[in-house]
């Protein structure tokens, strides 16, 4: 069989999903050694990848990524970024588990606990960090926690961070009242029917831990936590399920108080709404990463990650989505707006934020998510 026919056959198998990219290139390389194929063969193989799929949280976050990262990346490289959205980490991991290898490529995941879940399922890849030189500008603390999960290697790069604090309407709740009551404001009878809450079992348990005076990473009285969650359920107007719904409920004054994502609250403040924001002691700090799934086109994915970690793209996306970037402010000038964002740490140490311990939360996920589901339904 001549070289061109062998190449065409392998390329067809690759495009049809019968070969992953690494196997494809390996066979191409073997064919080159056996038949004396020159380097343009390898170049043709690399150019076979025309797109990378990216899945994220939608709304203003997706808009910022499309405008400031994906479109410029495609213009520069010719590789198209196809973006999808999901409403929760649990929803997305269910999609991935039901998919074919290579169908999903990069995901904007939240928390080290999600990263650990994917690793336990055998879905992690191994990044070639030489292809991501901008990784050196990322806050070290954000990188190290991922390396611990995957034995020193990385299947993701950190991208941004923020907090899930408490948003409140200043027409109805004063700053002084918030300072006095903290997380317990979400259990205030006076505000019945004007309280909201995210329908995420981790957030519900985290805030119930604060409301019952417990360490959210080491609660010992789960009965008290479930009772606090029931009390909150009976007082709220509704559970919200997306950032867009959160912003609408607050902007239209359907609710006066809820736990909320720091960047979404800042967006409301920019729009002129008199919404306050508070991170209570031991409030929920989180970081998000750009995770590359096993079976993805690695070189193109690494190229996209490096592009997104550039100062220009990271700062532009951060300003668009209102969450601080993972870039270390001690190494990179982040401009004027980012230092004004909620949760921003000018030191780059993130010592003031409390992050979820992945072993603790993942170890209890099955039982706790099931129990919250029952309470959410009224049991």
Protein backbone atom coordinates (compact mmCIF):
# COMPACT_ATOMS: atom_id res chain seq x y z
CA UNK A 1 0.00 0.00 0.00
CA UNK A 2 1.44 3.39 -0.92
CA UNK A 3 2.04 6.09 1.68
CA UNK A 4 -0.86 8.35 0.71
CA UNK A 5 -3.41 5.52 0.92
CA UNK A 6 -2.08 4.43 4.32
CA UNK A 7 -2.30 8.01 5.55
CA UNK A 8 -5.85 8.45 4.21
CA UNK A 9 -6.99 5.26 5.89
CA UNK A 10 -5.51 6.26 9.24
CA UNK A 11 -6.95 9.77 8.91
CA UNK A 12 -10.43 8.34 8.28
CA UNK A 13 -10.14 6.14 11.35
CA UNK A 14 -9.04 9.15 13.42
CA UNK A 15 -11.89 11.37 12.22
CA UNK A 16 -14.41 8.59 12.90
CA UNK A 17 -13.18 8.26 16.47
CA UNK A 18 -11.66 4.81 16.01
CA UNK A 19 -8.23 6.16 16.95
CA UNK A 20 -7.33 8.66 19.63
CA UNK A 21 -4.93 11.42 18.63
CA UNK A 22 -1.88 9.94 20.30
CA UNK A 23 -2.37 6.55 18.61
CA UNK A 24 -2.99 8.28 15.28
CA UNK A 25 0.23 10.27 15.44
CA UNK A 26 2.12 7.21 16.64
CA UNK A 27 0.98 5.20 13.64
CA UNK A 28 1.76 8.08 11.31
CA UNK A 29 5.23 8.26 12.80
CA UNK A 30 5.69 4.52 12.41
CA UNK A 31 4.56 4.76 8.79
CA UNK A 32 7.08 7.51 8.21
CA UNK A 33 9.93 5.43 9.58
CA UNK A 34 8.90 2.37 7.58
CA UNK A 35 8.32 4.09 4.27
CA UNK A 36 10.56 7.10 4.43
CA UNK A 37 7.76 9.66 4.75
CA UNK A 38 9.06 13.21 5.12
CA UNK A 39 8.06 15.77 7.78
CA UNK A 40 5.10 17.29 5.84
CA UNK A 41 3.31 14.02 6.67
CA UNK A 42 3.41 14.91 10.37
CA UNK A 43 2.34 18.47 9.61
CA UNK A 44 -0.72 17.18 7.76
CA UNK A 45 -1.54 14.98 10.74
CA UNK A 46 -1.38 17.93 13.11
CA UNK A 47 -3.59 20.04 10.88
CA UNK A 48 -6.29 17.35 10.94
CA UNK A 49 -7.62 18.78 14.23
CA UNK A 50 -9.85 21.67 13.27
CA UNK A 51 -11.76 22.30 16.48
CA UNK A 52 -11.71 21.92 20.26
CA UNK A 53 -14.85 21.70 22.39
CA UNK A 54 -15.12 23.85 25.53
CA UNK A 55 -17.94 23.56 28.10
CA UNK A 56 -18.61 26.21 30.74
CA UNK A 57 -21.16 27.98 32.90
CA UNK A 58 -22.89 30.10 30.26
CA UNK A 59 -24.18 33.67 30.70
CA UNK A 60 -21.71 36.52 31.11
CA UNK A 61 -18.89 34.03 31.67
CA UNK A 62 -19.36 32.40 28.26
CA UNK A 63 -19.78 35.80 26.62
CA UNK A 64 -16.47 36.96 28.09
CA UNK A 65 -14.67 33.80 27.03
CA UNK A 66 -16.05 33.95 23.49
CA UNK A 67 -15.16 37.60 22.99
CA UNK A 68 -11.78 37.74 24.69
CA UNK A 69 -10.39 34.22 24.30
CA UNK A 70 -12.07 31.90 21.82
CA UNK A 71 -12.52 34.21 18.84
CA UNK A 72 -8.99 35.69 19.09
CA UNK A 73 -7.55 32.16 19.49
CA UNK A 74 -9.34 30.94 16.37
CA UNK A 75 -8.19 33.98 14.41
CA UNK A 76 -4.59 33.34 15.44
CA UNK A 77 -4.48 29.54 15.06
CA UNK A 78 -7.32 28.53 12.74
CA UNK A 79 -8.60 26.06 15.37
CA UNK A 80 -12.30 26.62 16.07
CA UNK A 81 -13.55 26.54 19.68
CA UNK A 82 -17.03 25.01 19.95
CA UNK A 83 -18.55 26.01 23.27
CA UNK A 84 -21.35 24.37 25.26
CA UNK A 85 -22.82 25.10 28.67
CA UNK A 86 -23.93 23.24 31.80
CA UNK A 87 -25.85 24.22 34.92
CA UNK A 88 -23.89 22.24 37.51
CA UNK A 89 -20.78 20.13 37.90
CA UNK A 90 -22.92 17.04 38.57
CA UNK A 91 -24.84 17.60 35.34
CA UNK A 92 -21.67 17.87 33.28
CA UNK A 93 -19.93 14.83 34.73
CA UNK A 94 -23.03 12.77 33.95
CA UNK A 95 -22.79 13.88 30.31
CA UNK A 96 -19.12 12.99 30.14
CA UNK A 97 -19.65 9.54 31.64
CA UNK A 98 -22.29 8.81 28.99
CA UNK A 99 -20.17 10.13 26.10
CA UNK A 100 -17.59 8.66 23.76
CA UNK A 101 -13.90 9.33 24.48
CA UNK A 102 -12.90 12.58 22.80
CA UNK A 103 -16.43 13.94 22.49
CA UNK A 104 -15.78 16.47 25.25
CA UNK A 105 -12.40 18.20 25.52
CA UNK A 106 -12.03 21.13 27.93
CA UNK A 107 -14.31 22.06 30.82
CA UNK A 108 -14.45 25.09 33.11
CA UNK A 109 -14.67 23.07 36.34
CA UNK A 110 -15.19 24.34 39.87
CA UNK A 111 -13.10 23.18 42.78
CA UNK A 112 -10.45 20.60 43.49
CA UNK A 113 -13.20 18.15 44.51
CA UNK A 114 -14.43 18.06 40.89
CA UNK A 115 -10.87 17.51 39.68
CA UNK A 116 -10.48 14.60 42.10
CA UNK A 117 -13.77 13.07 40.93
CA UNK A 118 -12.61 13.04 37.32
CA UNK A 119 -9.27 11.54 38.31
CA UNK A 120 -10.98 8.75 40.26
CA UNK A 121 -13.03 7.96 37.15
CA UNK A 122 -9.89 7.70 35.01
CA UNK A 123 -10.79 10.79 32.96
CA UNK A 124 -7.66 12.87 33.56
CA UNK A 125 -5.02 13.59 30.94
CA UNK A 126 -1.37 14.61 31.40
CA UNK A 127 -0.51 18.08 30.17
CA UNK A 128 2.85 18.84 28.60
CA UNK A 129 3.63 21.94 30.64
CA UNK A 130 6.37 22.97 28.21
CA UNK A 131 3.54 23.85 25.84
CA UNK A 132 1.97 26.12 28.48
CA UNK A 133 4.73 28.61 29.41
CA UNK A 134 2.19 31.09 30.85
CA UNK A 135 1.54 28.60 33.66
CA UNK A 136 4.58 30.07 35.41
CA UNK A 137 2.56 33.25 36.08
CA UNK A 138 -0.24 31.47 37.97
CA UNK A 139 -0.60 31.77 41.76
CA UNK A 140 1.40 28.78 43.12
CA UNK A 141 -1.19 27.84 45.76
CA UNK A 142 -3.80 27.34 43.04
CA UNK A 143 -1.53 24.98 41.08
CA UNK A 144 -0.16 22.90 43.95
CA UNK A 145 -3.53 21.60 45.14
CA UNK A 146 -4.14 19.98 41.74
CA UNK A 147 -0.68 18.41 41.60
CA UNK A 148 -1.40 16.68 44.92
CA UNK A 149 -4.35 14.85 43.36
CA UNK A 150 -2.52 13.63 40.24
CA UNK A 151 0.89 12.76 41.68
CA UNK A 152 2.70 15.89 40.56
CA UNK A 153 1.28 16.12 37.03
CA UNK A 154 -1.56 18.34 35.83
CA UNK A 155 -4.71 17.66 33.84
CA UNK A 156 -5.82 21.28 34.15
CA UNK A 157 -4.63 24.83 34.69
CA UNK A 158 -6.17 27.17 37.28
CA UNK A 159 -8.07 30.03 35.66
CA UNK A 160 -9.96 32.12 38.21
CA UNK A 161 -11.21 32.23 41.79
CA UNK A 162 -13.96 33.81 43.84
CA UNK A 163 -16.28 33.33 46.79
CA UNK A 164 -19.84 32.27 47.44
CA UNK A 165 -20.80 34.94 49.98
CA UNK A 166 -24.07 36.61 50.89
CA UNK A 167 -25.81 39.18 48.66
CA UNK A 168 -28.39 41.46 50.22
CA UNK A 169 -30.64 44.30 49.16
CA UNK A 170 -29.62 47.41 51.11
CA UNK A 171 -33.14 48.86 50.88
CA UNK A 172 -34.30 46.14 53.24
CA UNK A 173 -31.17 44.91 55.05
CA UNK A 174 -28.54 47.25 56.44
CA UNK A 175 -24.80 46.67 56.47
CA UNK A 176 -24.93 46.70 60.28
CA UNK A 177 -27.58 43.98 60.35
CA UNK A 178 -25.47 41.85 58.03
CA UNK A 179 -22.41 42.27 60.25
CA UNK A 180 -24.47 41.25 63.27
CA UNK A 181 -26.21 38.20 61.80
CA UNK A 182 -23.79 36.92 59.17
CA UNK A 183 -24.82 33.57 57.70
CA UNK A 184 -27.80 33.38 60.06
CA UNK A 185 -29.52 36.15 58.07
CA UNK A 186 -30.63 33.33 55.75
CA UNK A 187 -32.71 31.88 58.62
CA UNK A 188 -34.37 35.18 59.62
CA UNK A 189 -38.17 34.84 60.04
CA UNK A 190 -38.59 38.54 59.23
CA UNK A 191 -37.48 37.86 55.67
CA UNK A 192 -39.69 34.83 55.01
CA UNK A 193 -40.59 34.64 51.31
CA UNK A 194 -37.75 37.01 50.37
CA UNK A 195 -34.88 34.59 50.87
CA UNK A 196 -33.17 32.67 48.05
CA UNK A 197 -30.73 29.81 47.92
CA UNK A 198 -28.61 27.92 45.39
CA UNK A 199 -29.86 24.37 44.79
CA UNK A 200 -26.38 22.92 45.30
CA UNK A 201 -25.97 20.40 48.10
CA UNK A 202 -22.40 21.49 48.94
CA UNK A 203 -23.39 25.14 49.32
CA UNK A 204 -26.42 24.24 51.43
CA UNK A 205 -24.32 22.11 53.79
CA UNK A 206 -21.51 24.68 53.91
CA UNK A 207 -23.84 27.48 54.98
CA UNK A 208 -25.75 25.25 57.40
CA UNK A 209 -22.37 24.45 58.99
CA UNK A 210 -21.74 28.18 59.49
CA UNK A 211 -25.28 28.69 60.82
CA UNK A 212 -24.78 25.95 63.42
CA UNK A 213 -21.31 27.12 64.46
CA UNK A 214 -19.40 24.24 62.85
CA UNK A 215 -16.30 23.95 60.67
CA UNK A 216 -17.63 23.55 57.10
CA UNK A 217 -14.71 21.21 56.35
CA UNK A 218 -15.24 19.06 59.46
CA UNK A 219 -18.84 19.16 60.73
CA UNK A 220 -19.65 16.80 63.58
CA UNK A 221 -23.39 17.35 64.11
CA UNK A 222 -25.14 16.52 60.84
CA UNK A 223 -28.57 16.42 62.50
CA UNK A 224 -28.22 20.13 63.30
CA UNK A 225 -27.13 20.82 59.72
CA UNK A 226 -30.13 19.03 58.19
CA UNK A 227 -32.46 20.92 60.53
CA UNK A 228 -30.91 24.26 59.50
CA UNK A 229 -31.35 23.32 55.83
CA UNK A 230 -35.05 22.50 56.46
CA UNK A 231 -35.53 25.81 58.27
CA UNK A 232 -33.98 27.67 55.34
CA UNK A 233 -36.11 25.72 52.86
CA UNK A 234 -39.31 26.72 54.67
CA UNK A 235 -38.34 30.41 54.63
CA UNK A 236 -37.13 30.84 51.07
CA UNK A 237 -39.01 31.94 47.99
CA UNK A 238 -37.23 29.42 45.78
CA UNK A 239 -33.96 27.69 45.06
CA UNK A 240 -32.13 29.20 42.08
CA UNK A 241 -30.15 27.10 39.63
CA UNK A 242 -28.04 29.48 37.52
CA UNK A 243 -26.16 32.76 37.70
CA UNK A 244 -28.68 34.38 35.36
CA UNK A 245 -31.57 33.36 37.61
CA UNK A 246 -29.69 34.60 40.68
CA UNK A 247 -29.16 38.03 39.11
CA UNK A 248 -32.78 38.27 37.96
CA UNK A 249 -34.18 37.44 41.41
CA UNK A 250 -32.03 40.09 43.06
CA UNK A 251 -32.47 42.75 40.36
CA UNK A 252 -36.27 42.40 40.32
CA UNK A 253 -36.33 42.40 44.15
CA UNK A 254 -38.14 39.09 44.25
CA UNK A 255 -35.64 38.17 46.97
CA UNK A 256 -33.74 40.39 49.39
CA UNK A 257 -30.99 38.01 50.48
CA UNK A 258 -29.26 34.86 49.28
CA UNK A 259 -25.84 33.30 49.13
CA UNK A 260 -24.38 34.37 45.79
CA UNK A 261 -21.35 34.24 43.55
CA UNK A 262 -19.08 37.25 44.02
CA UNK A 263 -18.72 38.07 40.31
CA UNK A 264 -22.45 38.05 39.65
CA UNK A 265 -23.02 40.45 42.54
CA UNK A 266 -20.37 42.80 41.20
CA UNK A 267 -22.14 42.74 37.83
CA UNK A 268 -25.39 43.81 39.53
CA UNK A 269 -23.56 46.60 41.33
CA UNK A 270 -22.13 47.79 38.01
CA UNK A 271 -25.68 47.92 36.67
CA UNK A 272 -26.65 50.29 39.50
CA UNK A 273 -28.46 47.92 41.87
CA UNK A 274 -27.92 48.65 45.56
CA UNK A 275 -26.82 45.12 46.43
CA UNK A 276 -24.37 44.56 49.25
CA UNK A 277 -22.00 41.60 49.51
CA UNK A 278 -20.45 39.93 52.52
CA UNK A 279 -18.08 37.00 52.96
CA UNK A 280 -18.82 35.66 56.46
CA UNK A 281 -15.98 34.07 58.47
CA UNK A 282 -15.12 30.70 56.89
CA UNK A 283 -17.14 31.71 53.84
CA UNK A 284 -16.98 29.51 50.77
CA UNK A 285 -13.86 30.24 48.71
CA UNK A 286 -13.44 28.43 45.41
CA UNK A 287 -11.24 28.28 42.36
CA UNK A 288 -12.04 27.20 38.83
CA UNK A 289 -9.81 25.39 36.39
CA UNK A 290 -9.63 24.61 32.70
CA UNK A 291 -9.68 20.81 32.71
CA UNK A 292 -8.57 18.71 29.74
CA UNK A 293 -10.34 15.37 29.46
CA UNK A 294 -8.61 12.15 28.50
CA UNK A 295 -8.75 11.58 24.73
CA UNK A 296 -8.74 15.27 23.82
CA UNK A 297 -6.46 16.74 21.11
CA UNK A 298 -3.67 17.59 23.53
CA UNK A 299 -1.45 19.99 21.59
CA UNK A 300 -4.40 22.13 20.48
CA UNK A 301 -5.84 22.03 24.00
CA UNK A 302 -2.50 23.05 25.51
CA UNK A 303 -2.21 25.84 22.97
CA UNK A 304 -5.65 27.12 23.95
CA UNK A 305 -4.83 26.92 27.67
CA UNK A 306 -1.63 28.89 27.16
CA UNK A 307 -3.52 31.50 25.15
CA UNK A 308 -6.16 31.82 27.88
CA UNK A 309 -3.45 32.24 30.56
CA UNK A 310 -1.82 35.11 28.69
CA UNK A 311 -2.08 38.45 30.45
CA UNK A 312 -4.18 39.93 27.67
CA UNK A 313 -6.77 37.14 27.58
CA UNK A 314 -6.87 36.48 31.35
CA UNK A 315 -7.33 40.13 32.27
CA UNK A 316 -9.94 40.73 29.57
CA UNK A 317 -11.96 37.65 30.59
CA UNK A 318 -11.65 38.53 34.28
CA UNK A 319 -12.94 42.03 33.63
CA UNK A 320 -15.77 40.56 31.57
CA UNK A 321 -16.89 37.93 34.07
CA UNK A 322 -15.94 39.83 37.27
CA UNK A 323 -13.86 37.07 38.89
CA UNK A 324 -10.15 37.56 39.66
CA UNK A 325 -7.84 35.61 37.32
CA UNK A 326 -5.49 32.91 38.58
CA UNK A 327 -2.50 35.06 37.57
CA UNK A 328 -0.21 36.10 40.42
CA UNK A 329 -0.51 39.88 41.02
CA UNK A 330 3.10 39.81 42.22
CA UNK A 331 4.17 38.75 38.71
CA UNK A 332 1.57 40.31 36.41
CA UNK A 333 0.05 43.79 36.31
CA UNK A 334 -3.70 43.10 36.44
CA UNK A 335 -4.86 46.63 35.66
CA UNK A 336 -7.29 48.87 37.54
CA UNK A 337 -10.59 46.97 37.66
CA UNK A 338 -9.52 43.56 38.94
CA UNK A 339 -8.20 44.86 42.31
CA UNK A 340 -11.72 46.22 42.98
CA UNK A 341 -13.44 42.84 42.49
CA UNK A 342 -14.87 40.93 45.47
CA UNK A 343 -12.53 38.17 46.74
CA UNK A 344 -9.44 39.65 45.04
CA UNK A 345 -6.25 39.03 47.04
CA UNK A 346 -3.52 41.58 46.20
CA UNK A 347 -0.89 39.41 47.92
CA UNK A 348 -1.48 36.34 45.76
CA UNK A 349 -1.38 34.10 48.86
CA UNK A 350 -5.19 33.60 49.15
CA UNK A 351 -4.67 33.18 52.89
CA UNK A 352 -8.02 34.84 53.65
CA UNK A 353 -10.09 32.28 51.70
CA UNK A 354 -11.38 28.93 52.95
CA UNK A 355 -11.44 26.23 50.28
CA UNK A 356 -13.34 22.93 50.37
CA UNK A 357 -11.27 19.85 51.26
CA UNK A 358 -11.79 17.42 48.41
CA UNK A 359 -11.45 14.19 50.44
CA UNK A 360 -14.04 15.34 52.98
CA UNK A 361 -16.64 16.47 50.46
CA UNK A 362 -16.14 13.71 47.89
CA UNK A 363 -16.17 11.09 50.63
CA UNK A 364 -19.64 12.20 51.72
CA UNK A 365 -21.06 13.19 48.34
CA UNK A 366 -23.34 10.22 47.73
CA UNK A 367 -25.07 10.27 51.12
CA UNK A 368 -25.25 14.03 51.52
CA UNK A 369 -26.44 14.87 48.02
CA UNK A 370 -29.18 12.24 48.39
CA UNK A 371 -30.30 13.62 51.75
CA UNK A 372 -30.39 17.20 50.48
CA UNK A 373 -32.41 16.02 47.49
CA UNK A 374 -35.02 14.62 49.88
CA UNK A 375 -35.15 17.84 51.90
CA UNK A 376 -35.39 19.93 48.73
CA UNK A 377 -38.49 17.91 47.78
CA UNK A 378 -40.10 18.60 51.15
CA UNK A 379 -39.14 15.61 53.27
